[in-house]
Structure formats: C-alpha cells, structure tokens
Amino acid sequence: MKNKLKIFRAIKNLTQEQLATHLGVSRQTIIAIESSRYLPSITLGFKIAHFFKVKIEDIFIYQPKENK
C-alpha cells in the first residue's frame, strides 16, 4: 500500500519526530510508514487522517495485487 504521509507532513512543515509526538508513536514508526515498510493499524491510519483533517484514502492508497 502506498501512502502520501511524507507529502502531508511536508505541507505542515513537520519533522518526523514532531508528527510522531502528535500521534503518540515513535519516529521509527513514521519512518517505516513513509517508506511503506510498515502498514499502520486502522486506528493509527484514522488518527493520521484526522490529524491532517483529510479522509484516510487521501493519505493511504490501496493497490490490490493482480491474480496471475
């Protein structure tokens, strides 16, 4: 799943540490989400969307895998 978290964070001029503090997670969690190495829980996903005042699908882009 792709995401635009880094873009939304840049728009607000926030560091990874500042965003992590606002969300109550570690900076490593933000790094992992931004690099698509970690998918946040649905609760954290909604918390991120609420923080930026957007819909969850504005930040997280679902891309289903094609069946071969």
N, C-alpha and C. Protein backbone atom coordinates (compact mmCIF):
# COMPACT_ATOMS: atom_id res chain seq x y z
N MET A 1 0.85 -1.17 0.00
CA MET A 1 0.00 0.00 0.00
C MET A 1 0.90 1.24 0.00
N LYS A 2 0.65 2.12 -0.94
CA LYS A 2 1.40 3.37 -1.00
C LYS A 2 0.75 4.39 -0.07
N ASN A 3 1.52 5.42 0.26
CA ASN A 3 0.95 6.48 1.08
C ASN A 3 1.61 7.82 0.74
N LYS A 4 0.93 8.87 1.13
CA LYS A 4 1.40 10.23 0.90
C LYS A 4 1.73 10.92 2.22
N LEU A 5 2.07 10.15 3.23
CA LEU A 5 2.32 10.72 4.54
C LEU A 5 3.44 11.76 4.50
N LYS A 6 4.52 11.46 3.80
CA LYS A 6 5.65 12.39 3.73
C LYS A 6 5.21 13.72 3.11
N ILE A 7 4.36 13.66 2.10
CA ILE A 7 3.86 14.88 1.45
C ILE A 7 3.02 15.70 2.42
N PHE A 8 2.09 15.03 3.11
CA PHE A 8 1.23 15.75 4.06
C PHE A 8 2.06 16.32 5.21
N ARG A 9 3.07 15.59 5.63
CA ARG A 9 3.95 16.08 6.70
C ARG A 9 4.71 17.32 6.24
N ALA A 10 5.19 17.29 4.99
CA ALA A 10 5.93 18.43 4.45
C ALA A 10 5.05 19.67 4.31
N ILE A 11 3.81 19.46 3.92
CA ILE A 11 2.87 20.58 3.78
C ILE A 11 2.70 21.30 5.12
N LYS A 12 2.65 20.53 6.20
CA LYS A 12 2.50 21.11 7.55
C LYS A 12 3.84 21.54 8.14
N ASN A 13 4.93 21.30 7.37
CA ASN A 13 6.27 21.65 7.83
C ASN A 13 6.62 20.99 9.17
N LEU A 14 6.32 19.70 9.25
CA LEU A 14 6.59 18.93 10.46
C LEU A 14 7.74 17.96 10.23
N THR A 15 8.56 17.79 11.25
CA THR A 15 9.59 16.74 11.20
C THR A 15 8.92 15.41 11.52
N GLN A 16 9.63 14.34 11.25
CA GLN A 16 9.11 13.02 11.61
C GLN A 16 8.91 12.93 13.12
N GLU A 17 9.83 13.50 13.86
CA GLU A 17 9.74 13.49 15.32
C GLU A 17 8.51 14.25 15.81
N GLN A 18 8.25 15.41 15.24
CA GLN A 18 7.09 16.20 15.66
C GLN A 18 5.78 15.46 15.37
N LEU A 19 5.69 14.87 14.18
CA LEU A 19 4.48 14.12 13.84
C LEU A 19 4.32 12.93 14.78
N ALA A 20 5.40 12.23 15.03
CA ALA A 20 5.36 11.08 15.94
C ALA A 20 4.85 11.49 17.32
N THR A 21 5.33 12.60 17.82
CA THR A 21 4.89 13.10 19.13
C THR A 21 3.40 13.41 19.12
N HIS A 22 2.92 14.07 18.07
CA HIS A 22 1.49 14.39 17.96
C HIS A 22 0.63 13.12 17.94
N LEU A 23 1.14 12.07 17.30
CA LEU A 23 0.36 10.83 17.16
C LEU A 23 0.59 9.83 18.29
N GLY A 24 1.59 10.08 19.11
CA GLY A 24 1.87 9.17 20.22
C GLY A 24 2.56 7.89 19.77
N VAL A 25 3.40 8.01 18.72
CA VAL A 25 4.17 6.86 18.23
C VAL A 25 5.64 7.26 18.17
N SER A 26 6.48 6.32 17.81
CA SER A 26 7.91 6.62 17.71
C SER A 26 8.25 7.20 16.33
N ARG A 27 9.37 7.88 16.26
CA ARG A 27 9.85 8.39 14.98
C ARG A 27 10.10 7.23 14.02
N GLN A 28 10.57 6.10 14.55
CA GLN A 28 10.83 4.92 13.72
C GLN A 28 9.54 4.43 13.06
N THR A 29 8.42 4.56 13.75
CA THR A 29 7.13 4.18 13.16
C THR A 29 6.80 5.06 11.97
N ILE A 30 7.02 6.35 12.10
CA ILE A 30 6.76 7.29 11.00
C ILE A 30 7.68 6.97 9.82
N ILE A 31 8.95 6.72 10.10
CA ILE A 31 9.90 6.36 9.04
C ILE A 31 9.43 5.11 8.31
N ALA A 32 9.02 4.10 9.06
CA ALA A 32 8.59 2.83 8.46
C ALA A 32 7.32 3.00 7.63
N ILE A 33 6.38 3.82 8.10
CA ILE A 33 5.15 4.06 7.34
C ILE A 33 5.49 4.81 6.05
N GLU A 34 6.27 5.86 6.15
CA GLU A 34 6.62 6.65 4.96
C GLU A 34 7.36 5.83 3.90
N SER A 35 8.15 4.88 4.33
CA SER A 35 8.90 4.05 3.38
C SER A 35 8.14 2.79 2.97
N SER A 36 6.88 2.70 3.41
CA SER A 36 6.00 1.55 3.09
C SER A 36 6.54 0.22 3.60
N ARG A 37 7.35 0.26 4.65
CA ARG A 37 7.82 -0.98 5.28
C ARG A 37 6.87 -1.44 6.38
N TYR A 38 5.94 -0.56 6.77
CA TYR A 38 5.01 -0.87 7.86
C TYR A 38 3.65 -0.31 7.50
N LEU A 39 2.63 -1.14 7.63
CA LEU A 39 1.26 -0.70 7.45
C LEU A 39 0.67 -0.40 8.82
N PRO A 40 0.22 0.82 9.04
CA PRO A 40 -0.33 1.15 10.35
C PRO A 40 -1.65 0.42 10.59
N SER A 41 -1.99 0.28 11.85
CA SER A 41 -3.30 -0.27 12.19
C SER A 41 -4.37 0.67 11.66
N ILE A 42 -5.56 0.17 11.54
CA ILE A 42 -6.67 1.02 11.06
C ILE A 42 -6.87 2.20 12.01
N THR A 43 -6.69 1.96 13.28
CA THR A 43 -6.84 3.03 14.27
C THR A 43 -5.80 4.12 14.04
N LEU A 44 -4.55 3.74 13.85
CA LEU A 44 -3.50 4.72 13.61
C LEU A 44 -3.71 5.41 12.26
N GLY A 45 -4.16 4.68 11.26
CA GLY A 45 -4.45 5.27 9.97
C GLY A 45 -5.49 6.38 10.07
N PHE A 46 -6.56 6.10 10.81
CA PHE A 46 -7.59 7.12 11.01
C PHE A 46 -7.08 8.28 11.85
N LYS A 47 -6.23 7.99 12.82
CA LYS A 47 -5.65 9.03 13.66
C LYS A 47 -4.79 9.98 12.82
N ILE A 48 -4.03 9.40 11.88
CA ILE A 48 -3.21 10.21 10.98
C ILE A 48 -4.10 11.09 10.10
N ALA A 49 -5.13 10.47 9.51
CA ALA A 49 -6.05 11.22 8.65
C ALA A 49 -6.74 12.34 9.42
N HIS A 50 -7.17 12.04 10.63
CA HIS A 50 -7.84 13.05 11.47
C HIS A 50 -6.89 14.20 11.78
N PHE A 51 -5.63 13.87 12.07
CA PHE A 51 -4.64 14.90 12.37
C PHE A 51 -4.50 15.88 11.20
N PHE A 52 -4.48 15.34 9.98
CA PHE A 52 -4.33 16.19 8.80
C PHE A 52 -5.66 16.71 8.26
N LYS A 53 -6.76 16.32 8.89
CA LYS A 53 -8.10 16.77 8.50
C LYS A 53 -8.44 16.38 7.06
N VAL A 54 -8.12 15.13 6.72
CA VAL A 54 -8.43 14.58 5.39
C VAL A 54 -9.01 13.18 5.57
N LYS A 55 -9.52 12.62 4.47
CA LYS A 55 -10.02 11.25 4.51
C LYS A 55 -8.83 10.30 4.49
N ILE A 56 -9.01 9.15 5.09
CA ILE A 56 -7.92 8.18 5.16
C ILE A 56 -7.40 7.80 3.77
N GLU A 57 -8.32 7.74 2.78
CA GLU A 57 -7.90 7.36 1.44
C GLU A 57 -7.15 8.49 0.72
N ASP A 58 -7.12 9.68 1.30
CA ASP A 58 -6.30 10.76 0.74
C ASP A 58 -4.82 10.53 1.07
N ILE A 59 -4.56 9.80 2.13
CA ILE A 59 -3.18 9.53 2.55
C ILE A 59 -2.73 8.13 2.13
N PHE A 60 -3.59 7.15 2.32
CA PHE A 60 -3.23 5.76 2.04
C PHE A 60 -3.93 5.29 0.77
N ILE A 61 -3.15 4.79 -0.18
CA ILE A 61 -3.66 4.39 -1.48
C ILE A 61 -3.59 2.87 -1.59
N TYR A 62 -4.76 2.25 -1.64
CA TYR A 62 -4.84 0.79 -1.76
C TYR A 62 -4.61 0.39 -3.20
N GLN A 63 -3.72 -0.56 -3.40
CA GLN A 63 -3.44 -1.09 -4.73
C GLN A 63 -3.51 -2.61 -4.66
N PRO A 64 -4.63 -3.19 -5.08
CA PRO A 64 -4.75 -4.65 -5.00
C PRO A 64 -3.76 -5.33 -5.92
N LYS A 65 -3.28 -6.48 -5.47
CA LYS A 65 -2.37 -7.27 -6.30
C LYS A 65 -3.18 -8.01 -7.35
N GLU A 66 -2.63 -8.10 -8.53
CA GLU A 66 -3.31 -8.81 -9.60
C GLU A 66 -3.10 -10.31 -9.42
N ASN A 67 -4.18 -11.08 -9.62
CA ASN A 67 -4.07 -12.54 -9.58
C ASN A 67 -3.51 -13.02 -10.90
N LYS A 68 -2.54 -13.90 -10.81
CA LYS A 68 -1.93 -14.43 -12.05
C LYS A 68 -2.36 -15.84 -12.31
